[in-house]
Amino acid sequence: MDTSGLPESLRARIAERSALPPIEKVRALLHGYVHDSDGFDEVREELRDTAQTSTFYLEQYLTALETILAEPQPEGTYLRLVAGDGNRGLDDPSDAEAIGYLRRLLETLRTVIAEAHG
């Protein structure tokens, strides 16, 4: 993303968000798209709406999700992300089920980004 034409304050904010660790980016994704949603259909539509404007942050969220799912996390991390940051109740409140939820979110992001890039 070329930010050279943007005001300095906006460039600084983009740089700040881009520098966040993967877990913080996943939290931002969950807070921004999942927390108040009525389910995956609404999440998918919100992601698609964003992708119509730009996939810049969605691609960062995708990479962050891939990273935290590929690297072992302390016990309870995935559950806290989904149940706490995402405000999602799980049938089986465990890391294993939370990982399944995050993988589904990851695939949804991949699909939305691919659709946006045509």
N, C-alpha and C. Protein backbone atom coordinates (compact mmCIF):
# COMPACT_ATOMS: atom_id res chain seq x y z
N MET A 1 0.85 -1.17 0.00
CA MET A 1 0.00 0.00 0.00
C MET A 1 0.90 1.23 0.00
N ASP A 2 0.73 2.07 -1.00
CA ASP A 2 1.50 3.30 -1.09
C ASP A 2 0.83 4.36 -0.23
N THR A 3 1.52 4.76 0.82
CA THR A 3 0.96 5.74 1.75
C THR A 3 1.57 7.12 1.58
N SER A 4 2.40 7.29 0.56
CA SER A 4 3.14 8.55 0.41
C SER A 4 2.23 9.77 0.25
N GLY A 5 1.06 9.61 -0.29
CA GLY A 5 0.16 10.74 -0.48
C GLY A 5 -0.75 11.03 0.70
N LEU A 6 -0.62 10.24 1.74
CA LEU A 6 -1.49 10.40 2.91
C LEU A 6 -0.86 11.36 3.92
N PRO A 7 -1.70 12.00 4.72
CA PRO A 7 -1.17 12.85 5.79
C PRO A 7 -0.30 12.04 6.76
N GLU A 8 0.67 12.69 7.35
CA GLU A 8 1.60 12.03 8.27
C GLU A 8 0.89 11.29 9.39
N SER A 9 -0.17 11.88 9.95
CA SER A 9 -0.88 11.22 11.05
C SER A 9 -1.48 9.89 10.60
N LEU A 10 -1.99 9.83 9.38
CA LEU A 10 -2.55 8.60 8.85
C LEU A 10 -1.45 7.58 8.57
N ARG A 11 -0.34 8.04 8.00
CA ARG A 11 0.79 7.14 7.74
C ARG A 11 1.31 6.54 9.05
N ALA A 12 1.37 7.36 10.10
CA ALA A 12 1.84 6.88 11.40
C ALA A 12 0.88 5.82 11.96
N ARG A 13 -0.42 6.04 11.81
CA ARG A 13 -1.41 5.08 12.30
C ARG A 13 -1.31 3.75 11.54
N ILE A 14 -1.12 3.82 10.24
CA ILE A 14 -0.97 2.61 9.44
C ILE A 14 0.28 1.85 9.86
N ALA A 15 1.38 2.57 10.06
CA ALA A 15 2.63 1.94 10.49
C ALA A 15 2.47 1.30 11.86
N GLU A 16 1.77 1.99 12.76
CA GLU A 16 1.54 1.47 14.11
C GLU A 16 0.74 0.18 14.06
N ARG A 17 -0.34 0.17 13.31
CA ARG A 17 -1.17 -1.03 13.20
C ARG A 17 -0.44 -2.16 12.52
N SER A 18 0.37 -1.83 11.51
CA SER A 18 1.11 -2.86 10.78
C SER A 18 2.18 -3.50 11.65
N ALA A 19 2.69 -2.78 12.64
CA ALA A 19 3.76 -3.27 13.50
C ALA A 19 3.26 -4.12 14.67
N LEU A 20 1.96 -4.21 14.85
CA LEU A 20 1.42 -4.99 15.96
C LEU A 20 1.84 -6.45 15.84
N PRO A 21 2.05 -7.12 16.98
CA PRO A 21 2.33 -8.56 16.93
C PRO A 21 1.11 -9.32 16.39
N PRO A 22 1.33 -10.51 15.84
CA PRO A 22 0.21 -11.28 15.26
C PRO A 22 -0.97 -11.46 16.21
N ILE A 23 -0.73 -11.75 17.46
CA ILE A 23 -1.84 -11.99 18.39
C ILE A 23 -2.70 -10.74 18.53
N GLU A 24 -2.08 -9.57 18.50
CA GLU A 24 -2.84 -8.31 18.61
C GLU A 24 -3.64 -8.05 17.33
N LYS A 25 -3.09 -8.44 16.20
CA LYS A 25 -3.84 -8.29 14.94
C LYS A 25 -5.05 -9.22 14.94
N VAL A 26 -4.88 -10.43 15.46
CA VAL A 26 -6.02 -11.35 15.54
C VAL A 26 -7.07 -10.79 16.49
N ARG A 27 -6.63 -10.22 17.60
CA ARG A 27 -7.59 -9.60 18.52
C ARG A 27 -8.35 -8.47 17.82
N ALA A 28 -7.64 -7.66 17.05
CA ALA A 28 -8.29 -6.56 16.32
C ALA A 28 -9.31 -7.11 15.33
N LEU A 29 -8.97 -8.18 14.64
CA LEU A 29 -9.89 -8.82 13.70
C LEU A 29 -11.14 -9.29 14.44
N LEU A 30 -10.95 -9.98 15.54
CA LEU A 30 -12.08 -10.51 16.30
C LEU A 30 -12.95 -9.39 16.87
N HIS A 31 -12.33 -8.36 17.41
CA HIS A 31 -13.10 -7.23 17.95
C HIS A 31 -13.84 -6.49 16.84
N GLY A 32 -13.19 -6.33 15.70
CA GLY A 32 -13.77 -5.53 14.63
C GLY A 32 -14.84 -6.23 13.80
N TYR A 33 -14.71 -7.55 13.64
CA TYR A 33 -15.62 -8.25 12.73
C TYR A 33 -16.47 -9.33 13.38
N VAL A 34 -16.02 -9.90 14.47
CA VAL A 34 -16.70 -11.06 15.05
C VAL A 34 -17.50 -10.71 16.31
N HIS A 35 -16.94 -9.89 17.15
CA HIS A 35 -17.47 -9.64 18.50
C HIS A 35 -18.97 -9.34 18.53
N ASP A 36 -19.44 -8.45 17.70
CA ASP A 36 -20.85 -8.06 17.72
C ASP A 36 -21.68 -8.66 16.59
N SER A 37 -21.11 -9.63 15.90
CA SER A 37 -21.83 -10.21 14.76
C SER A 37 -22.86 -11.24 15.21
N ASP A 38 -23.77 -11.53 14.28
CA ASP A 38 -24.78 -12.55 14.54
C ASP A 38 -24.38 -13.91 13.99
N GLY A 39 -23.15 -14.04 13.53
CA GLY A 39 -22.68 -15.32 13.01
C GLY A 39 -21.77 -15.15 11.81
N PHE A 40 -21.36 -16.28 11.27
CA PHE A 40 -20.38 -16.27 10.19
C PHE A 40 -20.87 -15.58 8.92
N ASP A 41 -22.16 -15.68 8.63
CA ASP A 41 -22.66 -14.99 7.43
C ASP A 41 -22.45 -13.49 7.54
N GLU A 42 -22.73 -12.93 8.70
CA GLU A 42 -22.53 -11.50 8.89
C GLU A 42 -21.04 -11.15 8.86
N VAL A 43 -20.21 -11.97 9.48
CA VAL A 43 -18.76 -11.75 9.45
C VAL A 43 -18.26 -11.73 8.01
N ARG A 44 -18.68 -12.71 7.23
CA ARG A 44 -18.27 -12.80 5.82
C ARG A 44 -18.69 -11.55 5.04
N GLU A 45 -19.90 -11.09 5.27
CA GLU A 45 -20.38 -9.90 4.55
C GLU A 45 -19.62 -8.65 4.96
N GLU A 46 -19.31 -8.52 6.24
CA GLU A 46 -18.52 -7.37 6.71
C GLU A 46 -17.11 -7.41 6.10
N LEU A 47 -16.53 -8.59 6.05
CA LEU A 47 -15.21 -8.72 5.43
C LEU A 47 -15.27 -8.38 3.94
N ARG A 48 -16.31 -8.82 3.28
CA ARG A 48 -16.48 -8.50 1.85
C ARG A 48 -16.65 -7.00 1.64
N ASP A 49 -17.41 -6.36 2.51
CA ASP A 49 -17.58 -4.90 2.42
C ASP A 49 -16.23 -4.20 2.54
N THR A 50 -15.43 -4.63 3.49
CA THR A 50 -14.10 -4.05 3.66
C THR A 50 -13.24 -4.31 2.43
N ALA A 51 -13.28 -5.51 1.91
CA ALA A 51 -12.44 -5.90 0.77
C ALA A 51 -12.77 -5.09 -0.48
N GLN A 52 -13.98 -4.57 -0.58
CA GLN A 52 -14.34 -3.75 -1.73
C GLN A 52 -13.53 -2.46 -1.76
N THR A 53 -13.13 -1.99 -0.58
CA THR A 53 -12.33 -0.78 -0.47
C THR A 53 -10.85 -1.10 -0.51
N SER A 54 -10.43 -2.06 0.32
CA SER A 54 -9.01 -2.42 0.41
C SER A 54 -8.87 -3.75 1.13
N THR A 55 -7.90 -4.53 0.71
CA THR A 55 -7.60 -5.79 1.40
C THR A 55 -6.33 -5.66 2.25
N PHE A 56 -5.79 -4.47 2.36
CA PHE A 56 -4.52 -4.26 3.06
C PHE A 56 -4.54 -4.86 4.47
N TYR A 57 -5.48 -4.44 5.30
CA TYR A 57 -5.54 -4.96 6.67
C TYR A 57 -6.04 -6.40 6.70
N LEU A 58 -6.93 -6.75 5.80
CA LEU A 58 -7.41 -8.14 5.76
C LEU A 58 -6.26 -9.10 5.51
N GLU A 59 -5.34 -8.70 4.64
CA GLU A 59 -4.17 -9.54 4.37
C GLU A 59 -3.27 -9.64 5.59
N GLN A 60 -3.18 -8.57 6.36
CA GLN A 60 -2.41 -8.63 7.61
C GLN A 60 -3.10 -9.55 8.62
N TYR A 61 -4.41 -9.47 8.69
CA TYR A 61 -5.15 -10.36 9.59
C TYR A 61 -4.95 -11.82 9.18
N LEU A 62 -4.98 -12.07 7.88
CA LEU A 62 -4.78 -13.42 7.37
C LEU A 62 -3.42 -13.96 7.80
N THR A 63 -2.38 -13.19 7.58
CA THR A 63 -1.03 -13.60 7.95
C THR A 63 -0.93 -13.82 9.46
N ALA A 64 -1.55 -12.93 10.24
CA ALA A 64 -1.52 -13.07 11.69
C ALA A 64 -2.22 -14.34 12.15
N LEU A 65 -3.37 -14.65 11.56
CA LEU A 65 -4.08 -15.88 11.90
C LEU A 65 -3.24 -17.10 11.54
N GLU A 66 -2.65 -17.09 10.35
CA GLU A 66 -1.79 -18.20 9.94
C GLU A 66 -0.65 -18.39 10.95
N THR A 67 -0.07 -17.29 11.38
CA THR A 67 1.05 -17.34 12.31
C THR A 67 0.66 -17.93 13.66
N ILE A 68 -0.43 -17.42 14.25
CA ILE A 68 -0.77 -17.93 15.59
C ILE A 68 -1.29 -19.36 15.55
N LEU A 69 -1.84 -19.77 14.41
CA LEU A 69 -2.29 -21.16 14.29
C LEU A 69 -1.12 -22.11 14.01
N ALA A 70 -0.04 -21.58 13.44
CA ALA A 70 1.12 -22.41 13.13
C ALA A 70 2.08 -22.55 14.30
N GLU A 71 2.05 -21.58 15.21
CA GLU A 71 2.97 -21.58 16.35
C GLU A 71 2.20 -21.97 17.61
N PRO A 72 2.70 -22.93 18.36
CA PRO A 72 2.01 -23.31 19.60
C PRO A 72 1.83 -22.10 20.53
N GLN A 73 0.65 -22.00 21.09
CA GLN A 73 0.31 -20.91 22.00
C GLN A 73 0.11 -21.49 23.40
N PRO A 74 0.29 -20.66 24.43
CA PRO A 74 0.02 -21.14 25.79
C PRO A 74 -1.42 -21.64 25.91
N GLU A 75 -1.59 -22.65 26.74
CA GLU A 75 -2.92 -23.24 26.94
C GLU A 75 -3.94 -22.16 27.29
N GLY A 76 -5.08 -22.24 26.64
CA GLY A 76 -6.17 -21.30 26.89
C GLY A 76 -6.16 -20.07 25.99
N THR A 77 -5.08 -19.87 25.26
CA THR A 77 -4.96 -18.67 24.41
C THR A 77 -6.04 -18.64 23.34
N TYR A 78 -6.20 -19.74 22.62
CA TYR A 78 -7.18 -19.78 21.53
C TYR A 78 -8.59 -19.60 22.06
N LEU A 79 -8.88 -20.24 23.18
CA LEU A 79 -10.21 -20.11 23.77
C LEU A 79 -10.47 -18.66 24.20
N ARG A 80 -9.47 -18.02 24.82
CA ARG A 80 -9.65 -16.61 25.23
C ARG A 80 -9.86 -15.72 24.01
N LEU A 81 -9.16 -16.01 22.93
CA LEU A 81 -9.34 -15.20 21.72
C LEU A 81 -10.77 -15.31 21.22
N VAL A 82 -11.24 -16.53 21.04
CA VAL A 82 -12.57 -16.73 20.45
C VAL A 82 -13.68 -16.34 21.43
N ALA A 83 -13.61 -16.83 22.65
CA ALA A 83 -14.68 -16.57 23.61
C ALA A 83 -14.63 -15.14 24.14
N GLY A 84 -13.44 -14.65 24.41
CA GLY A 84 -13.31 -13.31 24.98
C GLY A 84 -13.30 -12.22 23.92
N ASP A 85 -12.28 -12.23 23.09
CA ASP A 85 -12.15 -11.18 22.07
C ASP A 85 -13.22 -11.28 20.99
N GLY A 86 -13.59 -12.51 20.65
CA GLY A 86 -14.59 -12.70 19.61
C GLY A 86 -16.02 -12.78 20.13
N ASN A 87 -16.18 -12.92 21.45
CA ASN A 87 -17.51 -12.98 22.05
C ASN A 87 -18.34 -14.13 21.48
N ARG A 88 -17.67 -15.26 21.24
CA ARG A 88 -18.35 -16.42 20.68
C ARG A 88 -18.46 -17.51 21.72
N GLY A 89 -19.65 -18.00 21.91
CA GLY A 89 -19.85 -19.16 22.76
C GLY A 89 -19.54 -20.41 21.95
N LEU A 90 -18.84 -21.34 22.54
CA LEU A 90 -18.49 -22.59 21.86
C LEU A 90 -19.20 -23.74 22.55
N ASP A 91 -19.64 -24.72 21.76
CA ASP A 91 -20.30 -25.89 22.34
C ASP A 91 -19.37 -26.60 23.33
N ASP A 92 -18.10 -26.68 22.95
CA ASP A 92 -17.08 -27.28 23.80
C ASP A 92 -16.04 -26.20 24.06
N PRO A 93 -16.11 -25.51 25.20
CA PRO A 93 -15.18 -24.41 25.46
C PRO A 93 -13.75 -24.92 25.68
N SER A 94 -13.07 -25.17 24.56
CA SER A 94 -11.71 -25.69 24.62
C SER A 94 -10.86 -25.02 23.54
N ASP A 95 -9.56 -25.13 23.70
CA ASP A 95 -8.67 -24.62 22.67
C ASP A 95 -8.91 -25.33 21.33
N ALA A 96 -9.17 -26.62 21.39
CA ALA A 96 -9.37 -27.39 20.16
C ALA A 96 -10.56 -26.83 19.36
N GLU A 97 -11.66 -26.56 20.03
CA GLU A 97 -12.82 -26.01 19.31
C GLU A 97 -12.55 -24.58 18.86
N ALA A 98 -11.85 -23.82 19.68
CA ALA A 98 -11.50 -22.44 19.30
C ALA A 98 -10.59 -22.43 18.08
N ILE A 99 -9.67 -23.37 18.00
CA ILE A 99 -8.80 -23.49 16.82
C ILE A 99 -9.65 -23.77 15.59
N GLY A 100 -10.64 -24.63 15.72
CA GLY A 100 -11.54 -24.91 14.60
C GLY A 100 -12.25 -23.64 14.14
N TYR A 101 -12.70 -22.85 15.09
CA TYR A 101 -13.36 -21.59 14.76
C TYR A 101 -12.40 -20.66 14.03
N LEU A 102 -11.19 -20.53 14.55
CA LEU A 102 -10.20 -19.64 13.92
C LEU A 102 -9.80 -20.14 12.53
N ARG A 103 -9.74 -21.44 12.34
CA ARG A 103 -9.44 -21.98 10.99
C ARG A 103 -10.57 -21.66 10.02
N ARG A 104 -11.78 -21.74 10.49
CA ARG A 104 -12.92 -21.37 9.64
C ARG A 104 -12.85 -19.89 9.28
N LEU A 105 -12.50 -19.05 10.24
CA LEU A 105 -12.33 -17.62 9.99
C LEU A 105 -11.19 -17.38 9.00
N LEU A 106 -10.12 -18.13 9.15
CA LEU A 106 -8.98 -18.04 8.24
C LEU A 106 -9.40 -18.36 6.81
N GLU A 107 -10.13 -19.43 6.63
CA GLU A 107 -10.60 -19.81 5.29
C GLU A 107 -11.56 -18.77 4.72
N THR A 108 -12.39 -18.20 5.57
CA THR A 108 -13.30 -17.15 5.13
C THR A 108 -12.50 -15.94 4.64
N LEU A 109 -11.49 -15.56 5.39
CA LEU A 109 -10.62 -14.45 4.98
C LEU A 109 -9.95 -14.74 3.64
N ARG A 110 -9.41 -15.95 3.50
CA ARG A 110 -8.75 -16.33 2.24
C ARG A 110 -9.72 -16.19 1.06
N THR A 111 -10.92 -16.68 1.26
CA THR A 111 -11.92 -16.63 0.19
C THR A 111 -12.28 -15.18 -0.17
N VAL A 112 -12.51 -14.37 0.85
CA VAL A 112 -12.89 -12.96 0.63
C VAL A 112 -11.77 -12.22 -0.09
N ILE A 113 -10.54 -12.43 0.32
CA ILE A 113 -9.40 -11.75 -0.31
C ILE A 113 -9.25 -12.22 -1.76
N ALA A 114 -9.39 -13.52 -1.99
CA ALA A 114 -9.28 -14.06 -3.35
C ALA A 114 -10.37 -13.49 -4.25
N GLU A 115 -11.59 -13.39 -3.73
CA GLU A 115 -12.70 -12.80 -4.49
C GLU A 115 -12.41 -11.34 -4.84
N ALA A 116 -11.85 -10.62 -3.89
CA ALA A 116 -11.56 -9.19 -4.11
C ALA A 116 -10.48 -8.98 -5.16
N HIS A 117 -9.57 -9.93 -5.25
CA HIS A 117 -8.48 -9.82 -6.22
C HIS A 117 -8.88 -10.39 -7.58
N GLY A 118 -10.07 -10.98 -7.62
CA GLY A 118 -10.62 -11.49 -8.86
C GLY A 118 -9.86 -12.60 -9.42
